[in-house]
């Protein structure tokens, strides 16, 4: 689940301590993908390199999901005694 990039800017201030608030902001920044976007926008990325990078990222995500699915299947099979 991605958080909209501007959603963390309008959070109300509460009486929580500074460290906890900082960790919360860091979590929101990381989950929104802002740090990655800032890093990627530092320099120009050629279109063919961008396509290659995005293709690789998609493949990594699909592979991770497939591995997770297989592990769940194997754990179910172990429970059934197969």
N, C-alpha and C. Protein backbone atom coordinates (compact mmCIF):
# COMPACT_ATOMS: atom_id res chain seq x y z
N UNK A 1 0.84 -1.17 0.00
CA UNK A 1 0.00 0.00 0.00
C UNK A 1 0.89 1.24 0.00
N UNK A 2 0.68 2.11 -0.93
CA UNK A 2 1.47 3.34 -1.02
C UNK A 2 0.68 4.50 -0.44
N UNK A 3 1.37 5.32 0.30
CA UNK A 3 0.78 6.52 0.89
C UNK A 3 1.00 7.66 -0.10
N UNK A 4 0.00 8.49 -0.35
CA UNK A 4 0.21 9.63 -1.25
C UNK A 4 1.36 10.49 -0.75
N UNK A 5 2.18 11.02 -1.66
CA UNK A 5 3.39 11.74 -1.26
C UNK A 5 3.16 12.93 -0.34
N UNK A 6 2.01 13.57 -0.40
CA UNK A 6 1.78 14.75 0.42
C UNK A 6 1.01 14.45 1.69
N UNK A 7 0.63 13.22 1.92
CA UNK A 7 -0.21 12.93 3.08
C UNK A 7 0.51 13.12 4.40
N UNK A 8 1.83 12.91 4.44
CA UNK A 8 2.53 13.06 5.70
C UNK A 8 2.80 14.52 6.04
N UNK A 9 2.61 15.42 5.08
CA UNK A 9 2.87 16.83 5.33
C UNK A 9 1.78 17.48 6.18
N UNK A 10 0.61 16.89 6.21
CA UNK A 10 -0.51 17.52 6.91
C UNK A 10 -0.90 16.78 8.18
N UNK A 11 0.04 16.11 8.81
CA UNK A 11 -0.26 15.40 10.05
C UNK A 11 -0.30 16.39 11.21
N UNK A 12 -1.31 16.28 12.08
CA UNK A 12 -1.37 17.19 13.23
C UNK A 12 -0.29 16.85 14.25
N UNK A 13 0.25 17.86 14.89
CA UNK A 13 1.27 17.66 15.92
C UNK A 13 0.58 17.25 17.21
N UNK A 14 1.12 16.25 17.85
CA UNK A 14 0.58 15.79 19.13
C UNK A 14 1.66 15.93 20.19
N UNK A 15 1.39 15.41 21.36
CA UNK A 15 2.34 15.56 22.46
C UNK A 15 3.35 14.42 22.53
N UNK A 16 3.53 13.67 21.46
CA UNK A 16 4.49 12.57 21.50
C UNK A 16 5.92 13.13 21.47
N UNK A 17 6.86 12.33 21.92
CA UNK A 17 8.23 12.80 21.98
C UNK A 17 8.83 12.92 20.57
N UNK A 18 9.92 13.63 20.46
CA UNK A 18 10.52 13.96 19.17
C UNK A 18 11.01 12.72 18.45
N UNK A 19 11.64 11.80 19.17
CA UNK A 19 12.18 10.60 18.54
C UNK A 19 11.08 9.77 17.89
N UNK A 20 9.99 9.61 18.60
CA UNK A 20 8.86 8.83 18.07
C UNK A 20 8.25 9.51 16.84
N UNK A 21 8.13 10.82 16.90
CA UNK A 21 7.59 11.56 15.76
C UNK A 21 8.52 11.45 14.55
N UNK A 22 9.83 11.53 14.79
CA UNK A 22 10.80 11.41 13.70
C UNK A 22 10.72 10.03 13.05
N UNK A 23 10.62 8.98 13.87
CA UNK A 23 10.51 7.63 13.33
C UNK A 23 9.23 7.48 12.51
N UNK A 24 8.17 8.11 12.97
CA UNK A 24 6.90 8.03 12.25
C UNK A 24 7.01 8.71 10.88
N UNK A 25 7.65 9.87 10.84
CA UNK A 25 7.84 10.58 9.57
C UNK A 25 8.72 9.76 8.64
N UNK A 26 9.79 9.17 9.18
CA UNK A 26 10.68 8.34 8.37
C UNK A 26 9.92 7.16 7.77
N UNK A 27 9.06 6.54 8.57
CA UNK A 27 8.26 5.42 8.07
C UNK A 27 7.36 5.87 6.92
N UNK A 28 6.72 7.02 7.09
CA UNK A 28 5.83 7.53 6.05
C UNK A 28 6.59 7.88 4.78
N UNK A 29 7.77 8.47 4.93
CA UNK A 29 8.59 8.82 3.77
C UNK A 29 9.03 7.56 3.03
N UNK A 30 9.46 6.55 3.78
CA UNK A 30 9.92 5.31 3.15
C UNK A 30 8.77 4.57 2.48
N UNK A 31 7.62 4.52 3.13
CA UNK A 31 6.51 3.78 2.55
C UNK A 31 5.93 4.49 1.33
N UNK A 32 6.08 5.80 1.25
CA UNK A 32 5.60 6.53 0.08
C UNK A 32 6.58 6.44 -1.07
N UNK A 33 7.80 5.98 -0.81
CA UNK A 33 8.80 5.86 -1.86
C UNK A 33 9.47 7.18 -2.21
N UNK A 34 9.39 8.15 -1.33
CA UNK A 34 9.96 9.47 -1.62
C UNK A 34 11.48 9.43 -1.67
N UNK A 35 12.09 8.68 -0.79
CA UNK A 35 13.55 8.62 -0.76
C UNK A 35 14.09 8.04 -2.07
N UNK A 36 13.43 7.02 -2.57
CA UNK A 36 13.85 6.41 -3.83
C UNK A 36 13.66 7.39 -4.99
N UNK A 37 12.53 8.10 -5.00
CA UNK A 37 12.27 9.07 -6.06
C UNK A 37 13.31 10.19 -6.05
N UNK A 38 13.66 10.67 -4.88
CA UNK A 38 14.66 11.73 -4.78
C UNK A 38 16.00 11.24 -5.30
N UNK A 39 16.37 10.03 -4.92
CA UNK A 39 17.64 9.47 -5.38
C UNK A 39 17.65 9.31 -6.90
N UNK A 40 16.56 8.84 -7.46
CA UNK A 40 16.50 8.61 -8.91
C UNK A 40 16.45 9.91 -9.70
N UNK A 41 15.91 10.97 -9.11
CA UNK A 41 15.80 12.24 -9.82
C UNK A 41 17.04 13.12 -9.70
N UNK A 42 18.06 12.66 -9.02
CA UNK A 42 19.28 13.46 -8.91
C UNK A 42 19.95 13.63 -10.27
N UNK A 43 19.92 12.58 -11.06
CA UNK A 43 20.54 12.62 -12.37
C UNK A 43 19.55 12.12 -13.41
N UNK A 44 19.79 12.52 -14.65
CA UNK A 44 18.93 12.09 -15.74
C UNK A 44 19.13 10.61 -16.00
N UNK A 45 18.04 9.91 -16.20
CA UNK A 45 18.09 8.49 -16.50
C UNK A 45 17.60 8.29 -17.93
N UNK A 46 18.44 7.72 -18.74
CA UNK A 46 18.06 7.51 -20.14
C UNK A 46 16.85 6.59 -20.21
N UNK A 47 15.99 6.82 -21.21
CA UNK A 47 14.75 6.03 -21.28
C UNK A 47 14.97 4.52 -21.33
N UNK A 48 15.99 4.07 -22.09
CA UNK A 48 16.18 2.63 -22.18
C UNK A 48 16.67 2.06 -20.85
N UNK A 49 17.44 2.83 -20.09
CA UNK A 49 17.87 2.37 -18.77
C UNK A 49 16.71 2.36 -17.78
N UNK A 50 15.82 3.34 -17.92
CA UNK A 50 14.65 3.39 -17.04
C UNK A 50 13.75 2.19 -17.31
N UNK A 51 13.54 1.87 -18.59
CA UNK A 51 12.72 0.69 -18.94
C UNK A 51 13.34 -0.58 -18.36
N UNK A 52 14.66 -0.69 -18.50
CA UNK A 52 15.35 -1.87 -17.99
C UNK A 52 15.22 -1.98 -16.47
N UNK A 53 15.39 -0.85 -15.78
CA UNK A 53 15.28 -0.84 -14.32
C UNK A 53 13.86 -1.21 -13.87
N UNK A 54 12.86 -0.61 -14.53
CA UNK A 54 11.48 -0.90 -14.15
C UNK A 54 11.12 -2.35 -14.42
N UNK A 55 11.62 -2.89 -15.53
CA UNK A 55 11.37 -4.29 -15.86
C UNK A 55 11.98 -5.19 -14.79
N UNK A 56 13.19 -4.85 -14.37
CA UNK A 56 13.86 -5.63 -13.34
C UNK A 56 13.10 -5.55 -12.01
N UNK A 57 12.63 -4.36 -11.66
CA UNK A 57 11.87 -4.20 -10.42
C UNK A 57 10.58 -5.00 -10.46
N UNK A 58 9.90 -4.98 -11.61
CA UNK A 58 8.66 -5.76 -11.74
C UNK A 58 8.97 -7.25 -11.59
N UNK A 59 10.04 -7.70 -12.23
CA UNK A 59 10.41 -9.11 -12.16
C UNK A 59 10.73 -9.51 -10.72
N UNK A 60 11.46 -8.66 -10.01
CA UNK A 60 11.81 -8.96 -8.63
C UNK A 60 10.56 -9.09 -7.76
N UNK A 61 9.60 -8.19 -7.98
CA UNK A 61 8.36 -8.25 -7.20
C UNK A 61 7.58 -9.53 -7.50
N UNK A 62 7.46 -9.86 -8.79
CA UNK A 62 6.74 -11.08 -9.17
C UNK A 62 7.44 -12.32 -8.61
N UNK A 63 8.77 -12.33 -8.67
CA UNK A 63 9.54 -13.46 -8.17
C UNK A 63 9.34 -13.62 -6.67
N UNK A 64 9.38 -12.52 -5.93
CA UNK A 64 9.19 -12.57 -4.48
C UNK A 64 7.80 -13.09 -4.13
N UNK A 65 6.80 -12.65 -4.87
CA UNK A 65 5.43 -13.12 -4.62
C UNK A 65 5.32 -14.61 -4.90
N UNK A 66 5.95 -15.06 -5.98
CA UNK A 66 5.90 -16.48 -6.33
C UNK A 66 6.62 -17.33 -5.29
N UNK A 67 7.76 -16.87 -4.81
CA UNK A 67 8.49 -17.61 -3.77
C UNK A 67 7.64 -17.69 -2.51
N UNK A 68 7.02 -16.59 -2.14
CA UNK A 68 6.17 -16.56 -0.96
C UNK A 68 5.01 -17.54 -1.11
N UNK A 69 4.43 -17.59 -2.30
CA UNK A 69 3.32 -18.51 -2.55
C UNK A 69 3.77 -19.96 -2.44
N UNK A 70 4.96 -20.25 -2.99
CA UNK A 70 5.47 -21.62 -2.92
C UNK A 70 5.77 -22.04 -1.48
N UNK A 71 6.33 -21.14 -0.70
CA UNK A 71 6.62 -21.45 0.70
C UNK A 71 5.33 -21.74 1.45
N UNK A 72 4.29 -20.97 1.20
CA UNK A 72 3.00 -21.22 1.84
C UNK A 72 2.44 -22.58 1.42
N UNK A 73 2.58 -22.92 0.15
CA UNK A 73 2.10 -24.20 -0.35
C UNK A 73 2.83 -25.35 0.32
N UNK A 74 4.14 -25.22 0.45
CA UNK A 74 4.93 -26.27 1.08
C UNK A 74 4.57 -26.41 2.56
N UNK A 75 4.34 -25.30 3.24
CA UNK A 75 3.96 -25.38 4.65
C UNK A 75 2.60 -26.04 4.82
N UNK A 76 1.68 -25.79 3.91
CA UNK A 76 0.37 -26.46 3.95
C UNK A 76 0.53 -27.94 3.70
N UNK A 77 1.39 -28.30 2.75
CA UNK A 77 1.63 -29.71 2.45
C UNK A 77 2.26 -30.41 3.66
N UNK A 78 3.16 -29.74 4.37
CA UNK A 78 3.77 -30.34 5.56
C UNK A 78 2.73 -30.57 6.65
N UNK A 79 1.81 -29.62 6.80
CA UNK A 79 0.76 -29.78 7.81
C UNK A 79 -0.15 -30.96 7.49
N UNK A 80 -0.39 -31.19 6.20
CA UNK A 80 -1.25 -32.29 5.79
C UNK A 80 -0.51 -33.62 5.79
N UNK A 81 0.82 -33.58 5.95
CA UNK A 81 1.61 -34.81 6.00
C UNK A 81 1.95 -35.36 4.64
N UNK A 82 2.07 -34.53 3.66
CA UNK A 82 2.39 -34.99 2.31
C UNK A 82 3.88 -35.07 2.12
